[in-house]
Amino acid sequence: ELPDCTKRQVIEKLTGDLIYTRNGA
C-alpha cells in the first residue's frame, strides 16, 4: 500500500497505528 515501501515508511505507518481511546475519542 505504501508508494515506495521504504523501511522508514513502514515504521511511520506503524507508529500511526498506536491508537487509544480517551474520553470517547
mmCIF file of all heavy atoms, coordinates in Angstrom:
data_MODEL
# 
_entry.id   MODEL 
# 
loop_
_atom_site.group_PDB 
_atom_site.id 
_atom_site.type_symbol 
_atom_site.label_atom_id 
_atom_site.label_alt_id 
_atom_site.label_comp_id 
_atom_site.label_asym_id 
_atom_site.label_entity_id 
_atom_site.label_seq_id 
_atom_site.pdbx_PDB_ins_code 
_atom_site.Cartn_x 
_atom_site.Cartn_y 
_atom_site.Cartn_z 
_atom_site.occupancy 
_atom_site.B_iso_or_equiv 
_atom_site.pdbx_formal_charge 
_atom_site.auth_seq_id 
_atom_site.auth_comp_id 
_atom_site.auth_asym_id 
_atom_site.auth_atom_id 
_atom_site.pdbx_PDB_model_num 
ATOM 1   N N   . GLU A 1 1  ? 0.820   -1.210 0.000  1.00 0.00 ? 1  GLU A N   1 
ATOM 2   C CA  . GLU A 1 1  ? 0.000   0.000  0.000  1.00 0.00 ? 1  GLU A CA  1 
ATOM 3   C C   . GLU A 1 1  ? 0.860   1.269  0.000  1.00 0.00 ? 1  GLU A C   1 
ATOM 4   O O   . GLU A 1 1  ? 0.389   2.344  -0.355 1.00 0.00 ? 1  GLU A O   1 
ATOM 5   C CB  . GLU A 1 1  ? -0.911  0.020  1.238  1.00 0.00 ? 1  GLU A CB  1 
ATOM 6   C CG  . GLU A 1 1  ? -1.868  -1.156 1.344  1.00 0.00 ? 1  GLU A CG  1 
ATOM 7   C CD  . GLU A 1 1  ? -2.601  -1.161 2.673  1.00 0.00 ? 1  GLU A CD  1 
ATOM 8   O OE1 . GLU A 1 1  ? -2.544  -0.133 3.386  1.00 0.00 ? 1  GLU A OE1 1 
ATOM 9   O OE2 . GLU A 1 1  ? -3.228  -2.181 3.011  1.00 0.00 ? 1  GLU A OE2 1 
ATOM 10  N N   . LEU A 1 2  ? 2.101   1.150  0.430  1.00 0.00 ? 2  LEU A N   1 
ATOM 11  C CA  . LEU A 1 2  ? 2.982   2.317  0.533  1.00 0.00 ? 2  LEU A CA  1 
ATOM 12  C C   . LEU A 1 2  ? 3.611   2.609  -0.820 1.00 0.00 ? 2  LEU A C   1 
ATOM 13  O O   . LEU A 1 2  ? 3.992   1.692  -1.552 1.00 0.00 ? 2  LEU A O   1 
ATOM 14  C CB  . LEU A 1 2  ? 4.066   2.054  1.582  1.00 0.00 ? 2  LEU A CB  1 
ATOM 15  C CG  . LEU A 1 2  ? 3.532   1.692  2.979  1.00 0.00 ? 2  LEU A CG  1 
ATOM 16  C CD1 . LEU A 1 2  ? 4.679   1.325  3.910  1.00 0.00 ? 2  LEU A CD1 1 
ATOM 17  C CD2 . LEU A 1 2  ? 2.723   2.843  3.553  1.00 0.00 ? 2  LEU A CD2 1 
ATOM 18  N N   . PRO A 1 3  ? 3.775   3.895  -1.183 1.00 0.00 ? 3  PRO A N   1 
ATOM 19  C CA  . PRO A 1 3  ? 4.266   4.247  -2.528 1.00 0.00 ? 3  PRO A CA  1 
ATOM 20  C C   . PRO A 1 3  ? 5.664   3.719  -2.838 1.00 0.00 ? 3  PRO A C   1 
ATOM 21  O O   . PRO A 1 3  ? 5.901   3.200  -3.939 1.00 0.00 ? 3  PRO A O   1 
ATOM 22  C CB  . PRO A 1 3  ? 4.230   5.780  -2.530 1.00 0.00 ? 3  PRO A CB  1 
ATOM 23  C CG  . PRO A 1 3  ? 4.202   6.173  -1.080 1.00 0.00 ? 3  PRO A CG  1 
ATOM 24  C CD  . PRO A 1 3  ? 3.484   5.078  -0.367 1.00 0.00 ? 3  PRO A CD  1 
ATOM 25  N N   . ASP A 1 4  ? 6.608   3.869  -1.928 1.00 0.00 ? 4  ASP A N   1 
ATOM 26  C CA  . ASP A 1 4  ? 7.973   3.413  -2.171 1.00 0.00 ? 4  ASP A CA  1 
ATOM 27  C C   . ASP A 1 4  ? 8.353   2.222  -1.312 1.00 0.00 ? 4  ASP A C   1 
ATOM 28  O O   . ASP A 1 4  ? 9.355   1.564  -1.563 1.00 0.00 ? 4  ASP A O   1 
ATOM 29  C CB  . ASP A 1 4  ? 8.965   4.553  -1.905 1.00 0.00 ? 4  ASP A CB  1 
ATOM 30  C CG  . ASP A 1 4  ? 8.695   5.764  -2.798 1.00 0.00 ? 4  ASP A CG  1 
ATOM 31  O OD1 . ASP A 1 4  ? 8.463   5.546  -4.000 1.00 0.00 ? 4  ASP A OD1 1 
ATOM 32  O OD2 . ASP A 1 4  ? 8.709   6.889  -2.288 1.00 0.00 ? 4  ASP A OD2 1 
ATOM 33  N N   . CYS A 1 5  ? 7.580   1.999  -0.262 1.00 0.00 ? 5  CYS A N   1 
ATOM 34  C CA  . CYS A 1 5  ? 7.788   0.881  0.662  1.00 0.00 ? 5  CYS A CA  1 
ATOM 35  C C   . CYS A 1 5  ? 9.196   0.888  1.247  1.00 0.00 ? 5  CYS A C   1 
ATOM 36  O O   . CYS A 1 5  ? 9.902   -0.130 1.249  1.00 0.00 ? 5  CYS A O   1 
ATOM 37  C CB  . CYS A 1 5  ? 7.503   -0.454 -0.033 1.00 0.00 ? 5  CYS A CB  1 
ATOM 38  S SG  . CYS A 1 5  ? 7.190   -1.781 1.153  1.00 0.00 ? 5  CYS A SG  1 
ATOM 39  N N   . THR A 1 6  ? 9.638   2.050  1.696  1.00 0.00 ? 6  THR A N   1 
ATOM 40  C CA  . THR A 1 6  ? 10.918  2.126  2.388  1.00 0.00 ? 6  THR A CA  1 
ATOM 41  C C   . THR A 1 6  ? 10.734  1.673  3.834  1.00 0.00 ? 6  THR A C   1 
ATOM 42  O O   . THR A 1 6  ? 9.616   1.614  4.359  1.00 0.00 ? 6  THR A O   1 
ATOM 43  C CB  . THR A 1 6  ? 11.467  3.559  2.376  1.00 0.00 ? 6  THR A CB  1 
ATOM 44  O OG1 . THR A 1 6  ? 10.574  4.408  3.123  1.00 0.00 ? 6  THR A OG1 1 
ATOM 45  C CG2 . THR A 1 6  ? 11.606  4.079  0.955  1.00 0.00 ? 6  THR A CG2 1 
ATOM 46  N N   . LYS A 1 7  ? 11.834  1.356  4.446  1.00 0.00 ? 7  LYS A N   1 
ATOM 47  C CA  . LYS A 1 7  ? 11.779  0.914  5.841  1.00 0.00 ? 7  LYS A CA  1 
ATOM 48  C C   . LYS A 1 7  ? 11.199  2.014  6.724  1.00 0.00 ? 7  LYS A C   1 
ATOM 49  O O   . LYS A 1 7  ? 10.397  1.762  7.621  1.00 0.00 ? 7  LYS A O   1 
ATOM 50  C CB  . LYS A 1 7  ? 13.182  0.528  6.311  1.00 0.00 ? 7  LYS A CB  1 
ATOM 51  C CG  . LYS A 1 7  ? 13.200  -0.201 7.639  1.00 0.00 ? 7  LYS A CG  1 
ATOM 52  C CD  . LYS A 1 7  ? 14.572  -0.774 7.931  1.00 0.00 ? 7  LYS A CD  1 
ATOM 53  C CE  . LYS A 1 7  ? 14.538  -1.588 9.222  1.00 0.00 ? 7  LYS A CE  1 
ATOM 54  N NZ  . LYS A 1 7  ? 15.851  -2.219 9.506  1.00 0.00 ? 7  LYS A NZ  1 
ATOM 55  N N   . ARG A 1 8  ? 11.596  3.262  6.469  1.00 0.00 ? 8  ARG A N   1 
ATOM 56  C CA  . ARG A 1 8  ? 11.077  4.373  7.266  1.00 0.00 ? 8  ARG A CA  1 
ATOM 57  C C   . ARG A 1 8  ? 9.570   4.526  7.088  1.00 0.00 ? 8  ARG A C   1 
ATOM 58  O O   . ARG A 1 8  ? 8.850   4.815  8.048  1.00 0.00 ? 8  ARG A O   1 
ATOM 59  C CB  . ARG A 1 8  ? 11.795  5.666  6.900  1.00 0.00 ? 8  ARG A CB  1 
ATOM 60  C CG  . ARG A 1 8  ? 11.328  6.857  7.739  1.00 0.00 ? 8  ARG A CG  1 
ATOM 61  C CD  . ARG A 1 8  ? 11.924  8.171  7.269  1.00 0.00 ? 8  ARG A CD  1 
ATOM 62  N NE  . ARG A 1 8  ? 11.250  9.299  7.889  1.00 0.00 ? 8  ARG A NE  1 
ATOM 63  C CZ  . ARG A 1 8  ? 11.657  9.910  8.989  1.00 0.00 ? 8  ARG A CZ  1 
ATOM 64  N NH1 . ARG A 1 8  ? 12.756  9.510  9.590  1.00 0.00 ? 8  ARG A NH1 1 
ATOM 65  N NH2 . ARG A 1 8  ? 10.982  10.926 9.475  1.00 0.00 ? 8  ARG A NH2 1 
ATOM 66  N N   . GLN A 1 9  ? 9.068   4.335  5.856  1.00 0.00 ? 9  GLN A N   1 
ATOM 67  C CA  . GLN A 1 9  ? 7.630   4.436  5.630  1.00 0.00 ? 9  GLN A CA  1 
ATOM 68  C C   . GLN A 1 9  ? 6.862   3.409  6.454  1.00 0.00 ? 9  GLN A C   1 
ATOM 69  O O   . GLN A 1 9  ? 5.811   3.711  7.035  1.00 0.00 ? 9  GLN A O   1 
ATOM 70  C CB  . GLN A 1 9  ? 7.308   4.257  4.149  1.00 0.00 ? 9  GLN A CB  1 
ATOM 71  C CG  . GLN A 1 9  ? 7.591   5.469  3.282  1.00 0.00 ? 9  GLN A CG  1 
ATOM 72  C CD  . GLN A 1 9  ? 7.197   5.231  1.842  1.00 0.00 ? 9  GLN A CD  1 
ATOM 73  O OE1 . GLN A 1 9  ? 7.391   4.133  1.307  1.00 0.00 ? 9  GLN A OE1 1 
ATOM 74  N NE2 . GLN A 1 9  ? 6.649   6.252  1.206  1.00 0.00 ? 9  GLN A NE2 1 
ATOM 75  N N   . VAL A 1 10 ? 7.371   2.204  6.500  1.00 0.00 ? 10 VAL A N   1 
ATOM 76  C CA  . VAL A 1 10 ? 6.723   1.141  7.278  1.00 0.00 ? 10 VAL A CA  1 
ATOM 77  C C   . VAL A 1 10 ? 6.705   1.528  8.758  1.00 0.00 ? 10 VAL A C   1 
ATOM 78  O O   . VAL A 1 10 ? 5.693   1.376  9.452  1.00 0.00 ? 10 VAL A O   1 
ATOM 79  C CB  . VAL A 1 10 ? 7.444   -0.208 7.076  1.00 0.00 ? 10 VAL A CB  1 
ATOM 80  C CG1 . VAL A 1 10 ? 6.886   -1.266 8.020  1.00 0.00 ? 10 VAL A CG1 1 
ATOM 81  C CG2 . VAL A 1 10 ? 7.302   -0.670 5.628  1.00 0.00 ? 10 VAL A CG2 1 
ATOM 82  N N   . ILE A 1 11 ? 7.832   2.047  9.241  1.00 0.00 ? 11 ILE A N   1 
ATOM 83  C CA  . ILE A 1 11 ? 7.923   2.441  10.646 1.00 0.00 ? 11 ILE A CA  1 
ATOM 84  C C   . ILE A 1 11 ? 6.958   3.583  10.938 1.00 0.00 ? 11 ILE A C   1 
ATOM 85  O O   . ILE A 1 11 ? 6.265   3.593  11.971 1.00 0.00 ? 11 ILE A O   1 
ATOM 86  C CB  . ILE A 1 11 ? 9.372   2.832  11.004 1.00 0.00 ? 11 ILE A CB  1 
ATOM 87  C CG1 . ILE A 1 11 ? 10.269  1.582  10.955 1.00 0.00 ? 11 ILE A CG1 1 
ATOM 88  C CG2 . ILE A 1 11 ? 9.458   3.492  12.368 1.00 0.00 ? 11 ILE A CG2 1 
ATOM 89  C CD1 . ILE A 1 11 ? 11.747  1.890  11.037 1.00 0.00 ? 11 ILE A CD1 1 
ATOM 90  N N   . GLU A 1 12 ? 6.874   4.564  10.046 1.00 0.00 ? 12 GLU A N   1 
ATOM 91  C CA  . GLU A 1 12 ? 5.962   5.690  10.243 1.00 0.00 ? 12 GLU A CA  1 
ATOM 92  C C   . GLU A 1 12 ? 4.507   5.226  10.294 1.00 0.00 ? 12 GLU A C   1 
ATOM 93  O O   . GLU A 1 12 ? 3.712   5.709  11.110 1.00 0.00 ? 12 GLU A O   1 
ATOM 94  C CB  . GLU A 1 12 ? 6.142   6.721  9.130  1.00 0.00 ? 12 GLU A CB  1 
ATOM 95  C CG  . GLU A 1 12 ? 7.437   7.525  9.226  1.00 0.00 ? 12 GLU A CG  1 
ATOM 96  C CD  . GLU A 1 12 ? 7.630   8.457  8.060  1.00 0.00 ? 12 GLU A CD  1 
ATOM 97  O OE1 . GLU A 1 12 ? 6.990   8.216  6.992  1.00 0.00 ? 12 GLU A OE1 1 
ATOM 98  O OE2 . GLU A 1 12 ? 8.398   9.422  8.177  1.00 0.00 ? 12 GLU A OE2 1 
ATOM 99  N N   . LYS A 1 13 ? 4.160   4.285  9.413  1.00 0.00 ? 13 LYS A N   1 
ATOM 100 C CA  . LYS A 1 13 ? 2.774   3.788  9.401  1.00 0.00 ? 13 LYS A CA  1 
ATOM 101 C C   . LYS A 1 13 ? 2.474   2.999  10.677 1.00 0.00 ? 13 LYS A C   1 
ATOM 102 O O   . LYS A 1 13 ? 1.374   3.088  11.229 1.00 0.00 ? 13 LYS A O   1 
ATOM 103 C CB  . LYS A 1 13 ? 2.525   2.928  8.166  1.00 0.00 ? 13 LYS A CB  1 
ATOM 104 C CG  . LYS A 1 13 ? 1.065   2.514  8.003  1.00 0.00 ? 13 LYS A CG  1 
ATOM 105 C CD  . LYS A 1 13 ? 0.773   1.997  6.631  1.00 0.00 ? 13 LYS A CD  1 
ATOM 106 C CE  . LYS A 1 13 ? -0.667  1.502  6.492  1.00 0.00 ? 13 LYS A CE  1 
ATOM 107 N NZ  . LYS A 1 13 ? -1.658  2.552  6.797  1.00 0.00 ? 13 LYS A NZ  1 
ATOM 108 N N   . LEU A 1 14 ? 3.440   2.257  11.161 1.00 0.00 ? 14 LEU A N   1 
ATOM 109 C CA  . LEU A 1 14 ? 3.236   1.520  12.408 1.00 0.00 ? 14 LEU A CA  1 
ATOM 110 C C   . LEU A 1 14 ? 3.050   2.459  13.598 1.00 0.00 ? 14 LEU A C   1 
ATOM 111 O O   . LEU A 1 14 ? 2.197   2.223  14.459 1.00 0.00 ? 14 LEU A O   1 
ATOM 112 C CB  . LEU A 1 14 ? 4.415   0.578  12.663 1.00 0.00 ? 14 LEU A CB  1 
ATOM 113 C CG  . LEU A 1 14 ? 4.459   -0.692 11.811 1.00 0.00 ? 14 LEU A CG  1 
ATOM 114 C CD1 . LEU A 1 14 ? 5.809   -1.387 11.939 1.00 0.00 ? 14 LEU A CD1 1 
ATOM 115 C CD2 . LEU A 1 14 ? 3.339   -1.649 12.200 1.00 0.00 ? 14 LEU A CD2 1 
ATOM 116 N N   . THR A 1 15 ? 3.832   3.528  13.649 1.00 0.00 ? 15 THR A N   1 
ATOM 117 C CA  . THR A 1 15 ? 3.644   4.490  14.748 1.00 0.00 ? 15 THR A CA  1 
ATOM 118 C C   . THR A 1 15 ? 2.259   5.127  14.667 1.00 0.00 ? 15 THR A C   1 
ATOM 119 O O   . THR A 1 15 ? 1.664   5.451  15.694 1.00 0.00 ? 15 THR A O   1 
ATOM 120 C CB  . THR A 1 15 ? 4.719   5.592  14.732 1.00 0.00 ? 15 THR A CB  1 
ATOM 121 O OG1 . THR A 1 15 ? 4.679   6.306  13.486 1.00 0.00 ? 15 THR A OG1 1 
ATOM 122 C CG2 . THR A 1 15 ? 6.114   4.993  14.907 1.00 0.00 ? 15 THR A CG2 1 
ATOM 123 N N   . GLY A 1 16 ? 1.730   5.276  13.453 1.00 0.00 ? 16 GLY A N   1 
ATOM 124 C CA  . GLY A 1 16 ? 0.378   5.813  13.299 1.00 0.00 ? 16 GLY A CA  1 
ATOM 125 C C   . GLY A 1 16 ? -0.703  4.864  13.788 1.00 0.00 ? 16 GLY A C   1 
ATOM 126 O O   . GLY A 1 16 ? -1.846  5.276  14.023 1.00 0.00 ? 16 GLY A O   1 
ATOM 127 N N   . ASP A 1 17 ? -0.360  3.581  13.927 1.00 0.00 ? 17 ASP A N   1 
ATOM 128 C CA  . ASP A 1 17 ? -1.317  2.583  14.427 1.00 0.00 ? 17 ASP A CA  1 
ATOM 129 C C   . ASP A 1 17 ? -1.362  2.530  15.953 1.00 0.00 ? 17 ASP A C   1 
ATOM 130 O O   . ASP A 1 17 ? -2.153  1.768  16.520 1.00 0.00 ? 17 ASP A O   1 
ATOM 131 C CB  . ASP A 1 17 ? -0.957  1.191  13.903 1.00 0.00 ? 17 ASP A CB  1 
ATOM 132 C CG  . ASP A 1 17 ? -1.247  1.022  12.421 1.00 0.00 ? 17 ASP A CG  1 
ATOM 133 O OD1 . ASP A 1 17 ? -2.015  1.832  11.876 1.00 0.00 ? 17 ASP A OD1 1 
ATOM 134 O OD2 . ASP A 1 17 ? -0.707  0.083  11.809 1.00 0.00 ? 17 ASP A OD2 1 
ATOM 135 N N   . LEU A 1 18 ? -0.513  3.307  16.616 1.00 0.00 ? 18 LEU A N   1 
ATOM 136 C CA  . LEU A 1 18 ? -0.518  3.323  18.087 1.00 0.00 ? 18 LEU A CA  1 
ATOM 137 C C   . LEU A 1 18 ? -1.636  4.256  18.550 1.00 0.00 ? 18 LEU A C   1 
ATOM 138 O O   . LEU A 1 18 ? -1.430  5.422  18.858 1.00 0.00 ? 18 LEU A O   1 
ATOM 139 C CB  . LEU A 1 18 ? 0.847   3.785  18.611 1.00 0.00 ? 18 LEU A CB  1 
ATOM 140 C CG  . LEU A 1 18 ? 2.030   2.864  18.281 1.00 0.00 ? 18 LEU A CG  1 
ATOM 141 C CD1 . LEU A 1 18 ? 3.344   3.508  18.696 1.00 0.00 ? 18 LEU A CD1 1 
ATOM 142 C CD2 . LEU A 1 18 ? 1.870   1.506  18.962 1.00 0.00 ? 18 LEU A CD2 1 
ATOM 143 N N   . ILE A 1 19 ? -2.842  3.707  18.587 1.00 0.00 ? 19 ILE A N   1 
ATOM 144 C CA  . ILE A 1 19 ? -4.051  4.486  18.841 1.00 0.00 ? 19 ILE A CA  1 
ATOM 145 C C   . ILE A 1 19 ? -4.704  3.994  20.125 1.00 0.00 ? 19 ILE A C   1 
ATOM 146 O O   . ILE A 1 19 ? -4.715  2.808  20.435 1.00 0.00 ? 19 ILE A O   1 
ATOM 147 C CB  . ILE A 1 19 ? -5.029  4.359  17.659 1.00 0.00 ? 19 ILE A CB  1 
ATOM 148 C CG1 . ILE A 1 19 ? -4.384  4.940  16.385 1.00 0.00 ? 19 ILE A CG1 1 
ATOM 149 C CG2 . ILE A 1 19 ? -6.345  5.063  17.950 1.00 0.00 ? 19 ILE A CG2 1 
ATOM 150 C CD1 . ILE A 1 19 ? -5.188  4.688  15.136 1.00 0.00 ? 19 ILE A CD1 1 
ATOM 151 N N   . TYR A 1 20 ? -5.252  4.933  20.880 1.00 0.00 ? 20 TYR A N   1 
ATOM 152 C CA  . TYR A 1 20 ? -6.005  4.595  22.086 1.00 0.00 ? 20 TYR A CA  1 
ATOM 153 C C   . TYR A 1 20 ? -7.214  5.514  22.183 1.00 0.00 ? 20 TYR A C   1 
ATOM 154 O O   . TYR A 1 20 ? -7.319  6.519  21.456 1.00 0.00 ? 20 TYR A O   1 
ATOM 155 C CB  . TYR A 1 20 ? -5.120  4.725  23.331 1.00 0.00 ? 20 TYR A CB  1 
ATOM 156 C CG  . TYR A 1 20 ? -4.578  6.119  23.575 1.00 0.00 ? 20 TYR A CG  1 
ATOM 157 C CD1 . TYR A 1 20 ? -5.187  6.979  24.479 1.00 0.00 ? 20 TYR A CD1 1 
ATOM 158 C CD2 . TYR A 1 20 ? -3.455  6.584  22.883 1.00 0.00 ? 20 TYR A CD2 1 
ATOM 159 C CE1 . TYR A 1 20 ? -4.697  8.258  24.696 1.00 0.00 ? 20 TYR A CE1 1 
ATOM 160 C CE2 . TYR A 1 20 ? -2.957  7.865  23.099 1.00 0.00 ? 20 TYR A CE2 1 
ATOM 161 C CZ  . TYR A 1 20 ? -3.588  8.699  24.001 1.00 0.00 ? 20 TYR A CZ  1 
ATOM 162 O OH  . TYR A 1 20 ? -3.113  9.953  24.214 1.00 0.00 ? 20 TYR A OH  1 
ATOM 163 N N   . THR A 1 21 ? -8.133  5.168  23.052 1.00 0.00 ? 21 THR A N   1 
ATOM 164 C CA  . THR A 1 21 ? -9.366  5.955  23.223 1.00 0.00 ? 21 THR A CA  1 
ATOM 165 C C   . THR A 1 21 ? -9.346  6.648  24.576 1.00 0.00 ? 21 THR A C   1 
ATOM 166 O O   . THR A 1 21 ? -9.107  6.016  25.608 1.00 0.00 ? 21 THR A O   1 
ATOM 167 C CB  . THR A 1 21 ? -10.612 5.058  23.125 1.00 0.00 ? 21 THR A CB  1 
ATOM 168 O OG1 . THR A 1 21 ? -10.621 4.396  21.853 1.00 0.00 ? 21 THR A OG1 1 
ATOM 169 C CG2 . THR A 1 21 ? -11.881 5.886  23.267 1.00 0.00 ? 21 THR A CG2 1 
ATOM 170 N N   . ARG A 1 22 ? -9.573  7.952  24.563 1.00 0.00 ? 22 ARG A N   1 
ATOM 171 C CA  . ARG A 1 22 ? -9.648  8.728  25.795 1.00 0.00 ? 22 ARG A CA  1 
ATOM 172 C C   . ARG A 1 22 ? -10.883 9.617  25.736 1.00 0.00 ? 22 ARG A C   1 
ATOM 173 O O   . ARG A 1 22 ? -11.058 10.373 24.786 1.00 0.00 ? 22 ARG A O   1 
ATOM 174 C CB  . ARG A 1 22 ? -8.390  9.576  25.988 1.00 0.00 ? 22 ARG A CB  1 
ATOM 175 C CG  . ARG A 1 22 ? -8.421  10.468 27.232 1.00 0.00 ? 22 ARG A CG  1 
ATOM 176 C CD  . ARG A 1 22 ? -7.143  11.284 27.352 1.00 0.00 ? 22 ARG A CD  1 
ATOM 177 N NE  . ARG A 1 22 ? -6.018  10.452 27.720 1.00 0.00 ? 22 ARG A NE  1 
ATOM 178 C CZ  . ARG A 1 22 ? -4.750  10.909 27.753 1.00 0.00 ? 22 ARG A CZ  1 
ATOM 179 N NH1 . ARG A 1 22 ? -4.501  12.162 27.446 1.00 0.00 ? 22 ARG A NH1 1 
ATOM 180 N NH2 . ARG A 1 22 ? -3.771  10.099 28.090 1.00 0.00 ? 22 ARG A NH2 1 
ATOM 181 N N   . ASN A 1 23 ? -11.733 9.500  26.731 1.00 0.00 ? 23 ASN A N   1 
ATOM 182 C CA  . ASN A 1 23 ? -12.974 10.272 26.807 1.00 0.00 ? 23 ASN A CA  1 
ATOM 183 C C   . ASN A 1 23 ? -13.824 10.105 25.550 1.00 0.00 ? 23 ASN A C   1 
ATOM 184 O O   . ASN A 1 23 ? -14.428 11.053 25.048 1.00 0.00 ? 23 ASN A O   1 
ATOM 185 C CB  . ASN A 1 23 ? -12.672 11.758 27.040 1.00 0.00 ? 23 ASN A CB  1 
ATOM 186 C CG  . ASN A 1 23 ? -11.954 12.007 28.351 1.00 0.00 ? 23 ASN A CG  1 
ATOM 187 O OD1 . ASN A 1 23 ? -12.185 11.305 29.334 1.00 0.00 ? 23 ASN A OD1 1 
ATOM 188 N ND2 . ASN A 1 23 ? -11.071 12.990 28.367 1.00 0.00 ? 23 ASN A ND2 1 
ATOM 189 N N   . GLY A 1 24 ? -13.836 8.867  25.027 1.00 0.00 ? 24 GLY A N   1 
ATOM 190 C CA  . GLY A 1 24 ? -14.660 8.562  23.873 1.00 0.00 ? 24 GLY A CA  1 
ATOM 191 C C   . GLY A 1 24 ? -14.070 8.938  22.532 1.00 0.00 ? 24 GLY A C   1 
ATOM 192 O O   . GLY A 1 24 ? -14.666 8.664  21.486 1.00 0.00 ? 24 GLY A O   1 
ATOM 193 N N   . ALA A 1 25 ? -12.887 9.557  22.532 1.00 0.00 ? 25 ALA A N   1 
ATOM 194 C CA  . ALA A 1 25 ? -12.267 9.984  21.273 1.00 0.00 ? 25 ALA A CA  1 
ATOM 195 C C   . ALA A 1 25 ? -10.998 9.183  21.008 1.00 0.00 ? 25 ALA A C   1 
ATOM 196 O O   . ALA A 1 25 ? -10.224 8.910  21.929 1.00 0.00 ? 25 ALA A O   1 
ATOM 197 C CB  . ALA A 1 25 ? -11.946 11.474 21.327 1.00 0.00 ? 25 ALA A CB  1 
# 
